[in-house]
Amino acid sequence: MVAVHAPRIRRTFSRLGRPVMYMAMAVFVCAGITMRAEHHQNGFKNYGASLWWGVVTVTTVGYGDIVPQTTVGRLAATVLMLVGIAMLGTVAASLAALFRLEDRDEGGAADGEADQRAPAAGDRSEVAGDVVAELRSLRSEVAALRQELGRPTP
């Protein structure tokens, strides 16, 4: 009961719940369609084998141990492949966004981002001085590069 009310777990379920649910529904439905279309042949002996094929197909692993031979089975496989690519991309993007949110919630900046908190009043003059020094350094580097290239400095 505590896990359901934990903010991190609730956030995970809210972000990943629907894509995972849609993907699971697609696997169950396409596995059933393919099993019936293949008439319990070509490796689709029971629903468990069909579910195995569905999971392998939706995750784009594709072992090839069970392959549909009928047109309906192949259409179901195509639908499952497209759903798998779309949903796995959605799940991956949701996970990345979730991890970014967690990084921000912990007080740090997300990867590749500078910390956006405003500097304290006493630090502002130090930051301004650093910026001015960096600009002067960059200007002198650009002037040196222009001189090397034989272009006049404006």
Protein backbone atom coordinates (compact mmCIF):
# COMPACT_ATOMS: atom_id res chain seq x y z
CA MET A 1 0.00 0.00 0.00
CA VAL A 2 2.91 2.33 0.78
CA ALA A 3 4.43 1.71 -2.67
CA VAL A 4 1.25 2.89 -4.39
CA HIS A 5 1.39 6.23 -2.57
CA ALA A 6 5.11 6.84 -3.08
CA PRO A 7 5.51 9.79 -5.49
CA ARG A 8 8.27 8.19 -7.53
CA ILE A 9 6.35 4.96 -8.08
CA ARG A 10 3.11 6.79 -8.82
CA ARG A 11 4.96 8.97 -11.35
CA THR A 12 6.47 5.87 -12.97
CA PHE A 13 3.07 4.19 -13.34
CA SER A 14 1.45 7.36 -14.66
CA ARG A 15 4.14 7.77 -17.34
CA LEU A 16 4.57 4.13 -18.35
CA GLY A 17 1.16 2.65 -17.55
CA ARG A 18 -0.70 3.40 -20.76
CA PRO A 19 2.05 2.56 -23.28
CA VAL A 20 2.82 -0.70 -21.50
CA MET A 21 -0.89 -1.53 -21.24
CA TYR A 22 -1.43 -0.85 -24.96
CA MET A 23 1.60 -2.93 -25.86
CA ALA A 24 0.40 -5.82 -23.67
CA MET A 25 -3.06 -5.66 -25.21
CA ALA A 26 -1.56 -5.74 -28.70
CA VAL A 27 0.56 -8.78 -27.79
CA PHE A 28 -2.40 -10.69 -26.33
CA VAL A 29 -4.74 -9.89 -29.22
CA CYS A 30 -2.20 -10.51 -32.02
CA ALA A 31 -1.03 -13.73 -30.36
CA GLY A 32 -4.61 -15.01 -30.30
CA ILE A 33 -5.29 -13.97 -33.88
CA THR A 34 -2.08 -15.56 -35.13
CA MET A 35 -2.65 -18.81 -33.20
CA ARG A 36 -6.11 -19.18 -34.73
CA ALA A 37 -4.91 -18.16 -38.20
CA GLU A 38 -2.09 -20.71 -38.09
CA HIS A 39 -4.51 -23.46 -36.94
CA HIS A 40 -2.17 -24.55 -34.11
CA GLN A 41 0.60 -25.31 -36.63
CA ASN A 42 3.98 -23.76 -37.54
CA GLY A 43 4.99 -23.65 -33.87
CA PHE A 44 1.76 -22.02 -32.64
CA LYS A 45 0.71 -25.15 -30.70
CA ASN A 46 -0.91 -23.30 -27.79
CA TYR A 47 -1.57 -19.79 -26.52
CA GLY A 48 1.65 -19.81 -24.48
CA ALA A 49 3.74 -20.36 -27.60
CA SER A 50 1.78 -17.62 -29.35
CA LEU A 51 2.44 -15.23 -26.44
CA TRP A 52 6.15 -16.08 -26.65
CA TRP A 53 6.07 -15.21 -30.34
CA GLY A 54 4.16 -11.98 -29.57
CA VAL A 55 6.68 -10.80 -26.97
CA VAL A 56 9.63 -11.66 -29.21
CA THR A 57 7.98 -9.80 -32.10
CA VAL A 58 6.85 -6.68 -30.20
CA THR A 59 10.31 -6.22 -28.65
CA THR A 60 11.82 -6.50 -32.15
CA VAL A 61 14.11 -9.35 -31.05
CA GLY A 62 12.73 -11.77 -33.64
CA TYR A 63 14.36 -15.11 -32.79
CA GLY A 64 12.67 -16.77 -35.75
CA ASP A 65 11.85 -19.97 -33.86
CA ILE A 66 8.14 -19.43 -34.54
CA VAL A 67 7.09 -17.71 -37.76
CA PRO A 68 3.56 -17.22 -39.09
CA GLN A 69 2.94 -18.65 -42.56
CA THR A 70 -0.62 -17.51 -43.29
CA THR A 71 -1.56 -14.10 -44.65
CA VAL A 72 -3.63 -13.24 -41.58
CA GLY A 73 -0.77 -14.32 -39.28
CA ARG A 74 1.69 -12.18 -41.19
CA LEU A 75 -0.65 -9.18 -41.09
CA ALA A 76 -0.98 -9.61 -37.32
CA ALA A 77 2.82 -9.80 -37.12
CA THR A 78 3.14 -6.59 -39.13
CA VAL A 79 0.71 -4.78 -36.84
CA LEU A 80 2.57 -6.08 -33.80
CA MET A 81 5.92 -4.95 -35.22
CA LEU A 82 4.63 -1.43 -35.85
CA VAL A 83 3.02 -1.27 -32.40
CA GLY A 84 6.25 -2.55 -30.87
CA ILE A 85 8.42 0.06 -32.52
CA ALA A 86 6.04 2.89 -31.62
CA MET A 87 5.38 1.77 -28.06
CA LEU A 88 8.97 0.91 -27.21
CA GLY A 89 9.97 4.35 -28.45
CA THR A 90 7.25 5.88 -26.30
CA VAL A 91 8.32 3.87 -23.25
CA ALA A 92 11.96 4.82 -23.78
CA ALA A 93 11.07 8.51 -24.12
CA SER A 94 8.85 8.34 -21.03
CA LEU A 95 11.63 6.71 -19.03
CA ALA A 96 14.11 9.35 -20.14
CA ALA A 97 11.71 12.13 -19.16
CA LEU A 98 11.06 10.42 -15.83
CA PHE A 99 14.78 10.19 -15.06
CA ARG A 100 15.22 13.85 -15.99
CA LEU A 101 12.41 14.82 -13.63
CA GLU A 102 13.97 12.77 -10.85
CA ASP A 103 17.33 14.48 -11.42
CA ARG A 104 15.65 17.88 -11.12
CA ASP A 105 13.65 16.83 -8.06
CA GLU A 106 16.86 15.85 -6.30
CA GLY A 107 18.14 19.41 -6.68
CA GLY A 108 20.69 18.82 -9.40
CA ALA A 109 20.54 19.89 -12.99
CA ALA A 110 19.68 17.31 -15.61
CA ASP A 111 22.50 15.95 -17.75
CA GLY A 112 23.88 18.47 -20.18
CA GLU A 113 22.16 21.40 -18.50
CA ALA A 114 23.68 24.14 -16.47
CA ASP A 115 22.23 24.74 -13.05
CA GLN A 116 19.52 27.36 -13.62
CA ARG A 117 19.26 28.61 -10.04
CA ALA A 118 19.98 32.32 -9.67
CA PRO A 119 23.26 33.15 -7.93
CA ALA A 120 23.12 34.77 -4.51
CA ALA A 121 23.50 38.57 -4.35
CA GLY A 122 27.14 38.38 -3.23
CA ASP A 123 28.00 35.92 -5.99
CA ARG A 124 26.56 38.07 -8.78
CA SER A 125 29.49 40.45 -8.95
CA GLU A 126 31.88 37.48 -9.01
CA VAL A 127 29.88 35.86 -11.82
CA ALA A 128 29.77 39.14 -13.75
CA GLY A 129 33.54 39.50 -13.37
CA ASP A 130 34.06 35.93 -14.62
CA VAL A 131 31.84 36.59 -17.64
CA VAL A 132 33.71 39.79 -18.51
CA ALA A 133 37.06 38.00 -18.19
CA GLU A 134 35.85 35.15 -20.38
CA LEU A 135 34.59 37.58 -23.03
CA ARG A 136 37.94 39.38 -23.09
CA SER A 137 39.72 36.06 -23.48
CA LEU A 138 37.44 35.04 -26.34
CA ARG A 139 37.92 38.38 -28.09
CA SER A 140 41.69 38.06 -27.92
CA GLU A 141 41.49 34.49 -29.29
CA VAL A 142 39.31 35.62 -32.19
CA ALA A 143 41.71 38.50 -32.91
CA ALA A 144 44.68 36.08 -32.91
CA LEU A 145 42.86 33.70 -35.26
CA ARG A 146 42.00 36.54 -37.64
CA GLN A 147 45.62 37.64 -37.62
CA GLU A 148 46.74 34.08 -38.45
CA LEU A 149 44.30 33.95 -41.35
CA GLY A 150 45.46 37.35 -42.59
CA ARG A 151 42.12 39.04 -42.07
CA PRO A 152 41.95 42.52 -40.58
CA THR A 153 40.52 42.93 -37.08
CA PRO A 154 37.40 45.14 -37.14
